[in-house]
Amino acid sequence: MTKRLKVGDHVSWNSEAGRVSGRIIKVHTRDVSYKGYLHHASKDSPQYAIKSDKTDHVALHKGTALRRLRR
């Protein structure tokens, strides 16, 4: 079973620049077009919009790429 994350959860993920952290601002359960790319999402495999703690950049990731951080 895939971990369930929700809006407000603090998470981290790997990027080209190293480990990045941020807060989930939206959960997409349907396909979404973002920055010119179609991101596939469903209720069983949602895409999470995350706002970076340091840069305020928003990225989309699947739950398998994310690690929940302690509060």
Protein backbone atom coordinates (compact mmCIF):
# COMPACT_ATOMS: atom_id res chain seq x y z
CA MET A 1 0.00 0.00 0.00
CA THR A 2 1.26 3.45 -0.91
CA LYS A 3 1.72 5.96 1.90
CA ARG A 4 -1.01 8.58 2.11
CA LEU A 5 0.17 12.15 2.41
CA LYS A 6 -2.01 15.21 2.86
CA VAL A 7 -1.92 18.98 2.46
CA GLY A 8 0.35 20.51 5.09
CA ASP A 9 2.65 17.48 5.47
CA HIS A 10 6.35 18.36 5.55
CA VAL A 11 8.25 16.13 3.10
CA SER A 12 11.64 15.81 1.41
CA TRP A 13 12.79 14.44 -1.94
CA ASN A 14 15.96 14.04 -3.99
CA SER A 15 16.71 16.57 -6.71
CA GLU A 16 19.71 17.25 -8.92
CA ALA A 17 20.90 19.74 -6.28
CA GLY A 18 20.55 17.26 -3.40
CA ARG A 19 17.89 16.69 -0.77
CA VAL A 20 15.08 19.30 -0.79
CA SER A 21 12.25 19.80 1.68
CA GLY A 22 8.90 21.52 1.52
CA ARG A 23 5.20 21.39 2.37
CA ILE A 24 2.45 19.76 0.35
CA ILE A 25 0.09 22.45 -0.92
CA LYS A 26 -2.21 20.35 -3.13
CA VAL A 27 -3.01 16.71 -3.90
CA HIS A 28 -3.90 15.91 -7.54
CA THR A 29 -6.00 12.78 -8.15
CA ARG A 30 -6.56 13.41 -11.87
CA ASP A 31 -4.10 14.02 -14.70
CA VAL A 32 -2.76 17.56 -14.53
CA SER A 33 -0.84 19.71 -17.00
CA TYR A 34 1.94 21.61 -15.24
CA LYS A 35 4.77 23.61 -16.81
CA GLY A 36 4.06 22.11 -20.22
CA TYR A 37 4.05 18.48 -19.08
CA LEU A 38 1.18 16.09 -18.46
CA HIS A 39 1.51 14.48 -15.04
CA HIS A 40 -0.52 11.30 -14.66
CA ALA A 41 -2.40 10.98 -11.39
CA SER A 42 -5.24 8.94 -9.95
CA LYS A 43 -6.82 8.28 -6.56
CA ASP A 44 -4.54 5.26 -6.16
CA SER A 45 -1.44 7.13 -7.37
CA PRO A 46 -1.80 10.88 -6.71
CA GLN A 47 0.64 13.64 -7.63
CA TYR A 48 1.61 16.02 -4.84
CA ALA A 49 2.31 19.73 -5.39
CA ILE A 50 5.04 20.75 -2.95
CA LYS A 51 6.32 24.25 -2.19
CA SER A 52 10.04 24.28 -1.39
CA ASP A 53 11.03 25.63 2.03
CA LYS A 54 13.99 27.62 0.67
CA THR A 55 13.00 28.86 -2.79
CA ASP A 56 9.17 28.83 -2.83
CA HIS A 57 9.46 26.80 -6.07
CA VAL A 58 6.51 24.43 -6.61
CA ALA A 59 7.23 20.89 -7.84
CA LEU A 60 5.00 17.88 -8.55
CA HIS A 61 6.01 14.42 -7.33
CA LYS A 62 4.46 11.01 -6.78
CA GLY A 63 4.28 9.71 -3.23
CA THR A 64 6.99 7.11 -3.91
CA ALA A 65 9.54 9.93 -4.37
CA LEU A 66 8.66 11.62 -1.08
CA ARG A 67 9.75 11.04 2.50
CA ARG A 68 7.59 12.45 5.30
CA LEU A 69 9.59 14.49 7.83
CA ARG A 70 8.92 14.75 11.53
CA ARG A 71 7.12 17.85 12.70
